Amino acid sequence: MNEIQSRIKTIFDQQLANCQNIRNTTFKERSAKLKSIETWLMDHKEDIRNAMHQDYRKPASEVDLTELWAVLNEIRHIRRYLKKWMRSKKVKSTLAMATAEAWIQYEPKGVVLIITPWNFPFNLTISPLISAIAAGNCSVIKPSELTPHSSQVISHMVNDLFEEKEVALFEGDSNVAEALLDEPFNHIFFTGSPKIGSSVMKKAAKHLSTITLELGGKSPTIVDETANLKDAAQKISWGKFLNCGQICLAPDYVFVQKSVKEKLLEEIKNVSNKQFATGNGSVMDSDNYARIVNKK
């Protein structure tokens, strides 16, 4: 067993021993933890923006829209409804159990592993984390090694707000992820490609871990001669060029009626320049346009 495997084992065992304490936390305690994350994110907005710019030149406006505010809104939504979600829900008994009382009781999973991607490193890491915290779980996070500056800022947040026996973060490559998947986590949350998702699912099956897979797909767009081409161009451009197209919801290909093909292409060029270019420069030279994260 190497050093990283030993540390993973130690942290996992600590969280396993502590998960009953976290399971028993009250609404007020969980809400306070979520509030502390919200406050930390607000206090470190510039650190987050700078980290994402260093990783792949993601512009501050996109960081705010797709990373920060998305997470902050989710935190506020959870805090608003968490007390209701934590209550048991009385339901009708079946005929065979007519004399019994029945209810639905929502329970934490226990120790959760969160493996996250590089394309939205804050949103897709913090979002599952706050859900795990709200549900009363301990969490281990494995962020992507392809966005190291963003991972470091998230690591600082985790270290500032939590003990490792409740929330821990491991940076590193696929070898670290493999070592984490050797542990019998109660639940695994993975966001990434279908190929890697299949491997994660096999590892989860070994321990009968429940699993959530958020995997990439294909997003076709269809434009016929009856379409409002300016409106279609705006939506296609925004969807395809946001985050430099590195988003699972981005249009992968367009089926367009021949009679409007050239007009649509012209509209897309005009719209994309308005949306992302600065001054008289091209989109590719713009500070408003993110970059491909690496040569892969």
C-alpha atoms as a PDB file:
ATOM      1  CA  MET A   1       0.000   0.000   0.000  1.00  0.00           C
ATOM      2  CA  ASN A   2       1.535   3.333  -1.079  1.00  0.00           C
ATOM      3  CA  GLU A   3       1.248   6.665   0.734  1.00  0.00           C
ATOM      4  CA  ILE A   4      -1.838   7.924  -1.115  1.00  0.00           C
ATOM      5  CA  GLN A   5      -3.659   4.603  -0.679  1.00  0.00           C
ATOM      6  CA  SER A   6      -2.845   4.666   3.021  1.00  0.00           C
ATOM      7  CA  ARG A   7      -4.168   8.217   3.409  1.00  0.00           C
ATOM      8  CA  ILE A   8      -7.340   7.377   1.482  1.00  0.00           C
ATOM      9  CA  LYS A   9      -7.910   4.363   3.713  1.00  0.00           C
ATOM     10  CA  THR A  10      -7.364   6.461   6.844  1.00  0.00           C
ATOM     11  CA  ILE A  11      -9.765   9.219   5.750  1.00  0.00           C
ATOM     12  CA  PHE A  12     -12.400   6.732   4.634  1.00  0.00           C
ATOM     13  CA  ASP A  13     -12.253   4.904   7.968  1.00  0.00           C
ATOM     14  CA  GLN A  14     -12.495   8.206   9.867  1.00  0.00           C
ATOM     15  CA  GLN A  15     -15.556   9.243   7.873  1.00  0.00           C
ATOM     16  CA  LEU A  16     -17.144   5.830   8.293  1.00  0.00           C
ATOM     17  CA  ALA A  17     -16.718   6.124  12.061  1.00  0.00           C
ATOM     18  CA  ASN A  18     -18.114   9.673  11.999  1.00  0.00           C
ATOM     19  CA  CYS A  19     -21.020   9.230   9.578  1.00  0.00           C
ATOM     20  CA  GLN A  20     -23.507   8.356  12.329  1.00  0.00           C
ATOM     21  CA  ASN A  21     -22.772  11.685  14.021  1.00  0.00           C
ATOM     22  CA  ILE A  22     -23.304  13.515  10.727  1.00  0.00           C
ATOM     23  CA  ARG A  23     -26.450  11.485  10.068  1.00  0.00           C
ATOM     24  CA  ASN A  24     -27.902  12.806  13.332  1.00  0.00           C
ATOM     25  CA  THR A  25     -27.283  16.486  12.551  1.00  0.00           C
ATOM     26  CA  THR A  26     -30.317  18.757  12.710  1.00  0.00           C
ATOM     27  CA  PHE A  27     -31.787  21.055  10.094  1.00  0.00           C
ATOM     28  CA  LYS A  28     -30.154  24.042  11.790  1.00  0.00           C
ATOM     29  CA  GLU A  29     -26.738  22.382  11.763  1.00  0.00           C
ATOM     30  CA  ARG A  30     -26.926  21.387   8.110  1.00  0.00           C
ATOM     31  CA  SER A  31     -28.315  24.763   7.095  1.00  0.00           C
ATOM     32  CA  ALA A  32     -25.456  26.487   8.929  1.00  0.00           C
ATOM     33  CA  LYS A  33     -22.917  24.410   7.000  1.00  0.00           C
ATOM     34  CA  LEU A  34     -24.510  25.393   3.711  1.00  0.00           C
ATOM     35  CA  LYS A  35     -24.530  29.032   4.785  1.00  0.00           C
ATOM     36  CA  SER A  36     -20.819  28.819   5.582  1.00  0.00           C
ATOM     37  CA  ILE A  37     -20.145  27.586   2.036  1.00  0.00           C
ATOM     38  CA  GLU A  38     -22.237  30.426   0.609  1.00  0.00           C
ATOM     39  CA  THR A  39     -20.331  32.986   2.674  1.00  0.00           C
ATOM     40  CA  TRP A  40     -16.955  31.483   1.710  1.00  0.00           C
ATOM     41  CA  LEU A  41     -17.816  31.580  -1.994  1.00  0.00           C
ATOM     42  CA  MET A  42     -18.954  35.199  -1.767  1.00  0.00           C
ATOM     43  CA  ASP A  43     -15.760  36.149   0.070  1.00  0.00           C
ATOM     44  CA  HIS A  44     -13.541  34.370  -2.478  1.00  0.00           C
ATOM     45  CA  LYS A  45     -15.196  35.331  -5.756  1.00  0.00           C
ATOM     46  CA  GLU A  46     -12.015  36.847  -7.158  1.00  0.00           C
ATOM     47  CA  ASP A  47      -9.968  33.775  -6.229  1.00  0.00           C
ATOM     48  CA  ILE A  48     -12.465  31.594  -8.104  1.00  0.00           C
ATOM     49  CA  ARG A  49     -12.471  33.861 -11.167  1.00  0.00           C
ATOM     50  CA  ASN A  50      -8.678  34.025 -11.248  1.00  0.00           C
ATOM     51  CA  ALA A  51      -8.311  30.262 -10.851  1.00  0.00           C
ATOM     52  CA  MET A  52     -10.638  29.529 -13.744  1.00  0.00           C
ATOM     53  CA  HIS A  53      -8.922  32.108 -15.924  1.00  0.00           C
ATOM     54  CA  GLN A  54      -5.597  30.410 -15.200  1.00  0.00           C
ATOM     55  CA  ASP A  55      -7.007  26.985 -16.014  1.00  0.00           C
ATOM     56  CA  TYR A  56      -8.575  27.815 -19.384  1.00  0.00           C
ATOM     57  CA  ARG A  57      -9.166  31.564 -19.603  1.00  0.00           C
ATOM     58  CA  LYS A  58     -12.813  31.312 -18.685  1.00  0.00           C
ATOM     59  CA  PRO A  59     -14.113  34.907 -18.619  1.00  0.00           C
ATOM     60  CA  ALA A  60     -15.378  36.322 -15.339  1.00  0.00           C
ATOM     61  CA  SER A  61     -18.891  36.832 -16.718  1.00  0.00           C
ATOM     62  CA  GLU A  62     -19.181  33.116 -17.523  1.00  0.00           C
ATOM     63  CA  VAL A  63     -17.688  32.133 -14.165  1.00  0.00           C
ATOM     64  CA  ASP A  64     -20.316  34.216 -12.395  1.00  0.00           C
ATOM     65  CA  LEU A  65     -23.194  32.929 -14.514  1.00  0.00           C
ATOM     66  CA  THR A  66     -22.370  29.229 -14.842  1.00  0.00           C
ATOM     67  CA  GLU A  67     -20.303  28.536 -11.741  1.00  0.00           C
ATOM     68  CA  LEU A  68     -20.835  30.969  -8.867  1.00  0.00           C
ATOM     69  CA  TRP A  69     -24.435  32.102  -9.145  1.00  0.00           C
ATOM     70  CA  ALA A  70     -25.681  28.673 -10.156  1.00  0.00           C
ATOM     71  CA  VAL A  71     -24.226  27.208  -6.961  1.00  0.00           C
ATOM     72  CA  LEU A  72     -25.283  30.109  -4.743  1.00  0.00           C
ATOM     73  CA  ASN A  73     -28.862  29.863  -5.998  1.00  0.00           C
ATOM     74  CA  GLU A  74     -28.864  26.133  -5.335  1.00  0.00           C
ATOM     75  CA  ILE A  75     -27.609  26.650  -1.780  1.00  0.00           C
ATOM     76  CA  ARG A  76     -30.349  29.194  -1.107  1.00  0.00           C
ATOM     77  CA  HIS A  77     -32.988  26.920  -2.606  1.00  0.00           C
ATOM     78  CA  ILE A  78     -31.882  23.971  -0.463  1.00  0.00           C
ATOM     79  CA  ARG A  79     -31.776  26.051   2.715  1.00  0.00           C
ATOM     80  CA  ARG A  80     -35.289  27.303   1.988  1.00  0.00           C
ATOM     81  CA  TYR A  81     -36.803  23.824   1.617  1.00  0.00           C
ATOM     82  CA  LEU A  82     -34.487  21.555   3.618  1.00  0.00           C
ATOM     83  CA  LYS A  83     -36.609  21.475   6.770  1.00  0.00           C
ATOM     84  CA  LYS A  84     -39.570  20.260   4.714  1.00  0.00           C
ATOM     85  CA  TRP A  85     -37.453  17.677   2.896  1.00  0.00           C
ATOM     86  CA  MET A  86     -36.112  16.267   6.167  1.00  0.00           C
ATOM     87  CA  ARG A  87     -39.583  15.538   7.567  1.00  0.00           C
ATOM     88  CA  SER A  88     -41.001  12.043   7.346  1.00  0.00           C
ATOM     89  CA  LYS A  89     -43.970  11.753   5.003  1.00  0.00           C
ATOM     90  CA  LYS A  90     -47.041   9.846   6.142  1.00  0.00           C
ATOM     91  CA  VAL A  91     -48.518   7.552   3.478  1.00  0.00           C
ATOM     92  CA  LYS A  92     -51.411   5.116   3.274  1.00  0.00           C
ATOM     93  CA  SER A  93     -50.855   1.511   4.290  1.00  0.00           C
ATOM     94  CA  THR A  94     -51.560  -1.352   1.929  1.00  0.00           C
ATOM     95  CA  LEU A  95     -54.620  -3.519   2.465  1.00  0.00           C
ATOM     96  CA  ALA A  96     -52.451  -6.313   3.855  1.00  0.00           C
ATOM     97  CA  MET A  97     -51.060  -3.857   6.446  1.00  0.00           C
ATOM     98  CA  ALA A  98     -54.329  -2.021   7.081  1.00  0.00           C
ATOM     99  CA  THR A  99     -53.830  -1.756  10.845  1.00  0.00           C
ATOM    100  CA  ALA A 100     -50.308  -0.377  10.570  1.00  0.00           C
ATOM    101  CA  GLU A 101     -49.065   3.173  10.167  1.00  0.00           C
ATOM    102  CA  ALA A 102     -46.765   3.849   7.225  1.00  0.00           C
ATOM    103  CA  TRP A 103     -44.472   6.712   6.327  1.00  0.00           C
ATOM    104  CA  ILE A 104     -41.503   7.533   4.146  1.00  0.00           C
ATOM    105  CA  GLN A 105     -38.358   8.389   6.076  1.00  0.00           C
ATOM    106  CA  TYR A 106     -35.487   9.921   4.111  1.00  0.00           C
ATOM    107  CA  GLU A 107     -32.061   8.805   5.332  1.00  0.00           C
ATOM    108  CA  PRO A 108     -28.456   9.728   4.513  1.00  0.00           C
ATOM    109  CA  LYS A 109     -26.372   7.372   2.407  1.00  0.00           C
ATOM    110  CA  GLY A 110     -23.352   7.525   4.721  1.00  0.00           C
ATOM    111  CA  VAL A 111     -19.948   8.161   3.101  1.00  0.00           C
ATOM    112  CA  VAL A 112     -20.196   9.568  -0.426  1.00  0.00           C
ATOM    113  CA  LEU A 113     -17.516   9.767  -3.124  1.00  0.00           C
ATOM    114  CA  ILE A 114     -17.847  12.694  -5.555  1.00  0.00           C
ATOM    115  CA  ILE A 115     -15.742  12.487  -8.745  1.00  0.00           C
ATOM    116  CA  THR A 116     -16.053  15.636 -10.828  1.00  0.00           C
ATOM    117  CA  PRO A 117     -15.037  16.899 -14.304  1.00  0.00           C
ATOM    118  CA  TRP A 118     -13.003  19.818 -15.584  1.00  0.00           C
ATOM    119  CA  ASN A 119     -15.552  21.659 -17.748  1.00  0.00           C
ATOM    120  CA  PHE A 120     -17.461  23.237 -14.832  1.00  0.00           C
ATOM    121  CA  PRO A 121     -15.047  22.569 -11.966  1.00  0.00           C
ATOM    122  CA  PHE A 122     -16.869  24.629  -9.318  1.00  0.00           C
ATOM    123  CA  ASN A 123     -20.483  24.070 -10.267  1.00  0.00           C
ATOM    124  CA  LEU A 124     -20.161  20.313 -10.797  1.00  0.00           C
ATOM    125  CA  THR A 125     -18.117  19.861  -7.618  1.00  0.00           C
ATOM    126  CA  ILE A 126     -19.859  22.144  -5.139  1.00  0.00           C
ATOM    127  CA  SER A 127     -23.366  21.254  -6.319  1.00  0.00           C
ATOM    128  CA  PRO A 128     -23.208  17.527  -5.435  1.00  0.00           C
ATOM    129  CA  LEU A 129     -21.274  18.401  -2.278  1.00  0.00           C
ATOM    130  CA  ILE A 130     -23.993  20.691  -0.917  1.00  0.00           C
ATOM    131  CA  SER A 131     -26.611  18.050  -1.710  1.00  0.00           C
ATOM    132  CA  ALA A 132     -24.580  15.457   0.187  1.00  0.00           C
ATOM    133  CA  ILE A 133     -24.198  17.821   3.154  1.00  0.00           C
ATOM    134  CA  ALA A 134     -27.892  18.710   3.137  1.00  0.00           C
ATOM    135  CA  ALA A 135     -28.751  15.004   3.212  1.00  0.00           C
ATOM    136  CA  GLY A 136     -26.460  14.383   6.208  1.00  0.00           C
ATOM    137  CA  ASN A 137     -23.553  12.574   4.563  1.00  0.00           C
ATOM    138  CA  CYS A 138     -19.796  12.572   4.863  1.00  0.00           C
ATOM    139  CA  SER A 139     -18.069  13.289   1.544  1.00  0.00           C
ATOM    140  CA  VAL A 140     -14.799  12.636  -0.255  1.00  0.00           C
ATOM    141  CA  ILE A 141     -14.159  14.779  -3.344  1.00  0.00           C
ATOM    142  CA  LYS A 142     -11.917  13.943  -6.303  1.00  0.00           C
ATOM    143  CA  PRO A 143     -11.791  16.983  -8.627  1.00  0.00           C
ATOM    144  CA  SER A 144     -10.281  16.871 -12.105  1.00  0.00           C
ATOM    145  CA  GLU A 145      -6.513  17.139 -12.451  1.00  0.00           C
ATOM    146  CA  LEU A 146      -7.037  19.113 -15.693  1.00  0.00           C
ATOM    147  CA  THR A 147      -8.093  22.258 -13.803  1.00  0.00           C
ATOM    148  CA  PRO A 148      -5.516  22.365 -10.992  1.00  0.00           C
ATOM    149  CA  HIS A 149      -5.985  26.014 -10.010  1.00  0.00           C
ATOM    150  CA  SER A 150      -9.722  25.541  -9.553  1.00  0.00           C
ATOM    151  CA  SER A 151      -9.114  22.346  -7.579  1.00  0.00           C
ATOM    152  CA  GLN A 152      -6.739  24.185  -5.260  1.00  0.00           C
ATOM    153  CA  VAL A 153      -9.326  26.851  -4.470  1.00  0.00           C
ATOM    154  CA  ILE A 154     -11.941  24.176  -3.716  1.00  0.00           C
ATOM    155  CA  SER A 155      -9.384  22.427  -1.528  1.00  0.00           C
ATOM    156  CA  HIS A 156      -8.853  25.668   0.404  1.00  0.00           C
ATOM    157  CA  MET A 157     -12.599  25.971   0.942  1.00  0.00           C
ATOM    158  CA  VAL A 158     -12.884  22.406   2.218  1.00  0.00           C
ATOM    159  CA  ASN A 159      -9.916  22.861   4.553  1.00  0.00           C
ATOM    160  CA  ASP A 160     -11.270  26.161   5.866  1.00  0.00           C
ATOM    161  CA  LEU A 161     -14.773  24.880   6.603  1.00  0.00           C
ATOM    162  CA  PHE A 162     -14.609  21.169   7.411  1.00  0.00           C
ATOM    163  CA  GLU A 163     -12.695  18.523   9.261  1.00  0.00           C
ATOM    164  CA  GLU A 164     -11.436  15.649   7.115  1.00  0.00           C
ATOM    165  CA  LYS A 165     -13.643  13.243   9.012  1.00  0.00           C
ATOM    166  CA  GLU A 166     -16.627  15.016   7.413  1.00  0.00           C
ATOM    167  CA  VAL A 167     -15.411  16.386   4.063  1.00  0.00           C
ATOM    168  CA  ALA A 168     -12.058  15.590   2.458  1.00  0.00           C
ATOM    169  CA  LEU A 169     -10.548  16.299  -0.948  1.00  0.00           C
ATOM    170  CA  PHE A 170      -7.926  14.353  -2.892  1.00  0.00           C
ATOM    171  CA  GLU A 171      -6.157  15.955  -5.849  1.00  0.00           C
ATOM    172  CA  GLY A 172      -4.356  13.857  -8.439  1.00  0.00           C
ATOM    173  CA  ASP A 173      -4.714  11.855 -11.636  1.00  0.00           C
ATOM    174  CA  SER A 174      -6.622   8.695 -12.513  1.00  0.00           C
ATOM    175  CA  ASN A 175      -4.469   6.630 -10.141  1.00  0.00           C
ATOM    176  CA  VAL A 176      -5.948   8.561  -7.213  1.00  0.00           C
ATOM    177  CA  ALA A 177      -9.462   7.990  -8.561  1.00  0.00           C
ATOM    178  CA  GLU A 178      -8.744   4.259  -8.909  1.00  0.00           C
ATOM    179  CA  ALA A 179      -7.485   4.094  -5.328  1.00  0.00           C
ATOM    180  CA  LEU A 180     -10.598   5.890  -4.071  1.00  0.00           C
ATOM    181  CA  LEU A 181     -12.862   3.505  -5.974  1.00  0.00           C
ATOM    182  CA  ASP A 182     -11.260   0.576  -4.166  1.00  0.00           C
ATOM    183  CA  GLU A 183     -12.969   1.729  -0.966  1.00  0.00           C
ATOM    184  CA  PRO A 184     -16.557   0.592  -0.218  1.00  0.00           C
ATOM    185  CA  PHE A 185     -18.291   3.982  -0.402  1.00  0.00           C
ATOM    186  CA  ASN A 186     -22.005   3.979   0.337  1.00  0.00           C
ATOM    187  CA  HIS A 187     -22.700   6.107  -2.725  1.00  0.00           C
ATOM    188  CA  ILE A 188     -20.675   7.344  -5.698  1.00  0.00           C
ATOM    189  CA  PHE A 189     -21.531  10.460  -7.707  1.00  0.00           C
ATOM    190  CA  PHE A 190     -19.649  10.651 -11.015  1.00  0.00           C
ATOM    191  CA  THR A 191     -19.795  13.261 -13.764  1.00  0.00           C
ATOM    192  CA  GLY A 192     -17.856  12.559 -16.954  1.00  0.00           C
ATOM    193  CA  SER A 193     -17.687  10.448 -20.085  1.00  0.00           C
ATOM    194  CA  PRO A 194     -19.641   7.226 -20.688  1.00  0.00           C
ATOM    195  CA  LYS A 195     -16.352   5.329 -21.085  1.00  0.00           C
ATOM    196  CA  ILE A 196     -15.061   6.290 -17.637  1.00  0.00           C
ATOM    197  CA  GLY A 197     -18.563   6.059 -16.198  1.00  0.00           C
ATOM    198  CA  SER A 198     -18.684   2.401 -17.211  1.00  0.00           C
ATOM    199  CA  SER A 199     -15.437   1.745 -15.311  1.00  0.00           C
ATOM    200  CA  VAL A 200     -16.753   3.581 -12.257  1.00  0.00           C
ATOM    201  CA  MET A 201     -19.940   1.521 -12.364  1.00  0.00           C
ATOM    202  CA  LYS A 202     -17.942  -1.725 -12.410  1.00  0.00           C
ATOM    203  CA  LYS A 203     -15.993  -0.595  -9.349  1.00  0.00           C
ATOM    204  CA  ALA A 204     -19.212   0.394  -7.578  1.00  0.00           C
ATOM    205  CA  ALA A 205     -20.742  -3.009  -8.315  1.00  0.00           C
ATOM    206  CA  LYS A 206     -17.897  -4.722  -6.482  1.00  0.00           C
ATOM    207  CA  HIS A 207     -19.028  -3.101  -3.212  1.00  0.00           C
ATOM    208  CA  LEU A 208     -22.744  -2.866  -4.097  1.00  0.00           C
ATOM    209  CA  SER A 209     -22.394   0.912  -3.815  1.00  0.00           C
ATOM    210  CA  THR A 210     -25.327   2.905  -5.128  1.00  0.00           C
ATOM    211  CA  ILE A 211     -24.279   5.256  -7.891  1.00  0.00           C
ATOM    212  CA  THR A 212     -25.303   8.399  -9.760  1.00  0.00           C
ATOM    213  CA  LEU A 213     -23.830   8.791 -13.255  1.00  0.00           C
ATOM    214  CA  GLU A 214     -24.084  12.103 -15.097  1.00  0.00           C
ATOM    215  CA  LEU A 215     -22.628  11.273 -18.496  1.00  0.00           C
ATOM    216  CA  GLY A 216     -22.152  13.125 -21.768  1.00  0.00           C
ATOM    217  CA  GLY A 217     -24.490  12.654 -24.697  1.00  0.00           C
ATOM    218  CA  LYS A 218     -25.353  14.047 -28.100  1.00  0.00           C
ATOM    219  CA  SER A 219     -27.426  17.181 -28.650  1.00  0.00           C
ATOM    220  CA  PRO A 220     -28.739  17.576 -32.208  1.00  0.00           C
ATOM    221  CA  THR A 221     -30.350  20.814 -33.392  1.00  0.00           C
ATOM    222  CA  ILE A 222     -32.993  20.932 -36.138  1.00  0.00           C
ATOM    223  CA  VAL A 223     -33.710  24.098 -38.146  1.00  0.00           C
ATOM    224  CA  ASP A 224     -36.251  24.127 -40.982  1.00  0.00           C
ATOM    225  CA  GLU A 225     -37.408  26.858 -43.347  1.00  0.00           C
ATOM    226  CA  THR A 226     -40.151  28.024 -40.979  1.00  0.00           C
ATOM    227  CA  ALA A 227     -37.703  28.880 -38.187  1.00  0.00           C
ATOM    228  CA  ASN A 228     -36.868  32.381 -36.984  1.00  0.00           C
ATOM    229  CA  LEU A 229     -33.232  32.209 -38.117  1.00  0.00           C
ATOM    230  CA  LYS A 230     -31.984  35.062 -35.962  1.00  0.00           C
ATOM    231  CA  ASP A 231     -33.498  33.459 -32.878  1.00  0.00           C
ATOM    232  CA  ALA A 232     -32.147  30.029 -33.867  1.00  0.00           C
ATOM    233  CA  ALA A 233     -28.684  31.493 -34.462  1.00  0.00           C
ATOM    234  CA  GLN A 234     -28.642  33.162 -31.042  1.00  0.00           C
ATOM    235  CA  LYS A 235     -29.561  29.924 -29.289  1.00  0.00           C
ATOM    236  CA  ILE A 236     -27.146  27.775 -31.302  1.00  0.00           C
ATOM    237  CA  SER A 237     -24.297  30.245 -30.825  1.00  0.00           C
ATOM    238  CA  TRP A 238     -24.879  30.582 -27.084  1.00  0.00           C
ATOM    239  CA  GLY A 239     -25.212  26.849 -26.607  1.00  0.00           C
ATOM    240  CA  LYS A 240     -22.197  25.930 -28.718  1.00  0.00           C
ATOM    241  CA  PHE A 241     -19.704  28.639 -27.790  1.00  0.00           C
ATOM    242  CA  LEU A 242     -20.458  29.013 -24.087  1.00  0.00           C
ATOM    243  CA  ASN A 243     -17.466  27.605 -22.188  1.00  0.00           C
ATOM    244  CA  CYS A 244     -15.818  27.138 -25.607  1.00  0.00           C
ATOM    245  CA  GLY A 245     -18.333  24.417 -26.353  1.00  0.00           C
ATOM    246  CA  GLN A 246     -17.108  22.271 -23.467  1.00  0.00           C
ATOM    247  CA  ILE A 247     -20.522  21.392 -22.086  1.00  0.00           C
ATOM    248  CA  CYS A 248     -22.582  18.237 -22.461  1.00  0.00           C
ATOM    249  CA  LEU A 249     -25.608  20.288 -23.540  1.00  0.00           C
ATOM    250  CA  ALA A 250     -23.819  22.026 -26.428  1.00  0.00           C
ATOM    251  CA  PRO A 251     -25.281  21.369 -29.905  1.00  0.00           C
ATOM    252  CA  ASP A 252     -23.121  18.688 -31.531  1.00  0.00           C
ATOM    253  CA  TYR A 253     -24.555  19.017 -35.019  1.00  0.00           C
ATOM    254  CA  VAL A 254     -27.263  20.901 -36.883  1.00  0.00           C
ATOM    255  CA  PHE A 255     -29.818  19.470 -39.300  1.00  0.00           C
ATOM    256  CA  VAL A 256     -30.789  22.473 -41.415  1.00  0.00           C
ATOM    257  CA  GLN A 257     -33.040  22.712 -44.454  1.00  0.00           C
ATOM    258  CA  LYS A 258     -30.937  23.521 -47.540  1.00  0.00           C
ATOM    259  CA  SER A 259     -33.025  26.528 -48.451  1.00  0.00           C
ATOM    260  CA  VAL A 260     -31.992  28.382 -45.268  1.00  0.00           C
ATOM    261  CA  LYS A 261     -28.519  26.911 -44.676  1.00  0.00           C
ATOM    262  CA  GLU A 262     -26.436  29.861 -45.916  1.00  0.00           C
ATOM    263  CA  LYS A 263     -28.630  32.422 -44.192  1.00  0.00           C
ATOM    264  CA  LEU A 264     -28.375  30.499 -40.905  1.00  0.00           C
ATOM    265  CA  LEU A 265     -24.571  30.326 -41.170  1.00  0.00           C
ATOM    266  CA  GLU A 266     -24.438  34.071 -41.794  1.00  0.00           C
ATOM    267  CA  GLU A 267     -26.658  34.745 -38.777  1.00  0.00           C
ATOM    268  CA  ILE A 268     -24.544  32.468 -36.542  1.00  0.00           C
ATOM    269  CA  LYS A 269     -21.359  34.316 -37.561  1.00  0.00           C
ATOM    270  CA  ASN A 270     -22.942  37.690 -36.840  1.00  0.00           C
ATOM    271  CA  VAL A 271     -24.430  36.605 -33.531  1.00  0.00           C
ATOM    272  CA  SER A 272     -21.285  34.856 -32.267  1.00  0.00           C
ATOM    273  CA  ASN A 273     -19.200  37.958 -32.956  1.00  0.00           C
ATOM    274  CA  LYS A 274     -21.671  40.113 -31.031  1.00  0.00           C
ATOM    275  CA  GLN A 275     -21.834  37.659 -28.134  1.00  0.00           C
ATOM    276  CA  PHE A 276     -18.164  36.849 -27.698  1.00  0.00           C
ATOM    277  CA  ALA A 277     -15.859  39.178 -29.683  1.00  0.00           C
ATOM    278  CA  THR A 278     -14.417  42.363 -28.169  1.00  0.00           C
ATOM    279  CA  GLY A 279     -13.818  45.526 -30.186  1.00  0.00           C
ATOM    280  CA  ASN A 280     -12.924  44.809 -33.805  1.00  0.00           C
ATOM    281  CA  GLY A 281     -11.135  41.567 -32.998  1.00  0.00           C
ATOM    282  CA  SER A 282     -12.224  38.028 -33.720  1.00  0.00           C
ATOM    283  CA  VAL A 283     -13.891  35.680 -31.264  1.00  0.00           C
ATOM    284  CA  MET A 284     -10.669  33.667 -30.942  1.00  0.00           C
ATOM    285  CA  ASP A 285      -8.770  36.770 -29.789  1.00  0.00           C
ATOM    286  CA  SER A 286     -11.449  37.816 -27.324  1.00  0.00           C
ATOM    287  CA  ASP A 287     -11.176  37.887 -23.546  1.00  0.00           C
ATOM    288  CA  ASN A 288     -14.886  37.013 -23.519  1.00  0.00           C
ATOM    289  CA  TYR A 289     -14.198  33.563 -24.941  1.00  0.00           C
ATOM    290  CA  ALA A 290     -12.885  30.615 -22.937  1.00  0.00           C
ATOM    291  CA  ARG A 291     -10.254  28.217 -24.294  1.00  0.00           C
ATOM    292  CA  ILE A 292     -10.012  24.458 -24.839  1.00  0.00           C
ATOM    293  CA  VAL A 293      -8.677  23.026 -21.584  1.00  0.00           C
ATOM    294  CA  ASN A 294      -5.936  20.902 -23.212  1.00  0.00           C
ATOM    295  CA  LYS A 295      -4.908  19.170 -26.465  1.00  0.00           C
ATOM    296  CA  LYS A 296      -7.046  16.113 -25.766  1.00  0.00           C
END
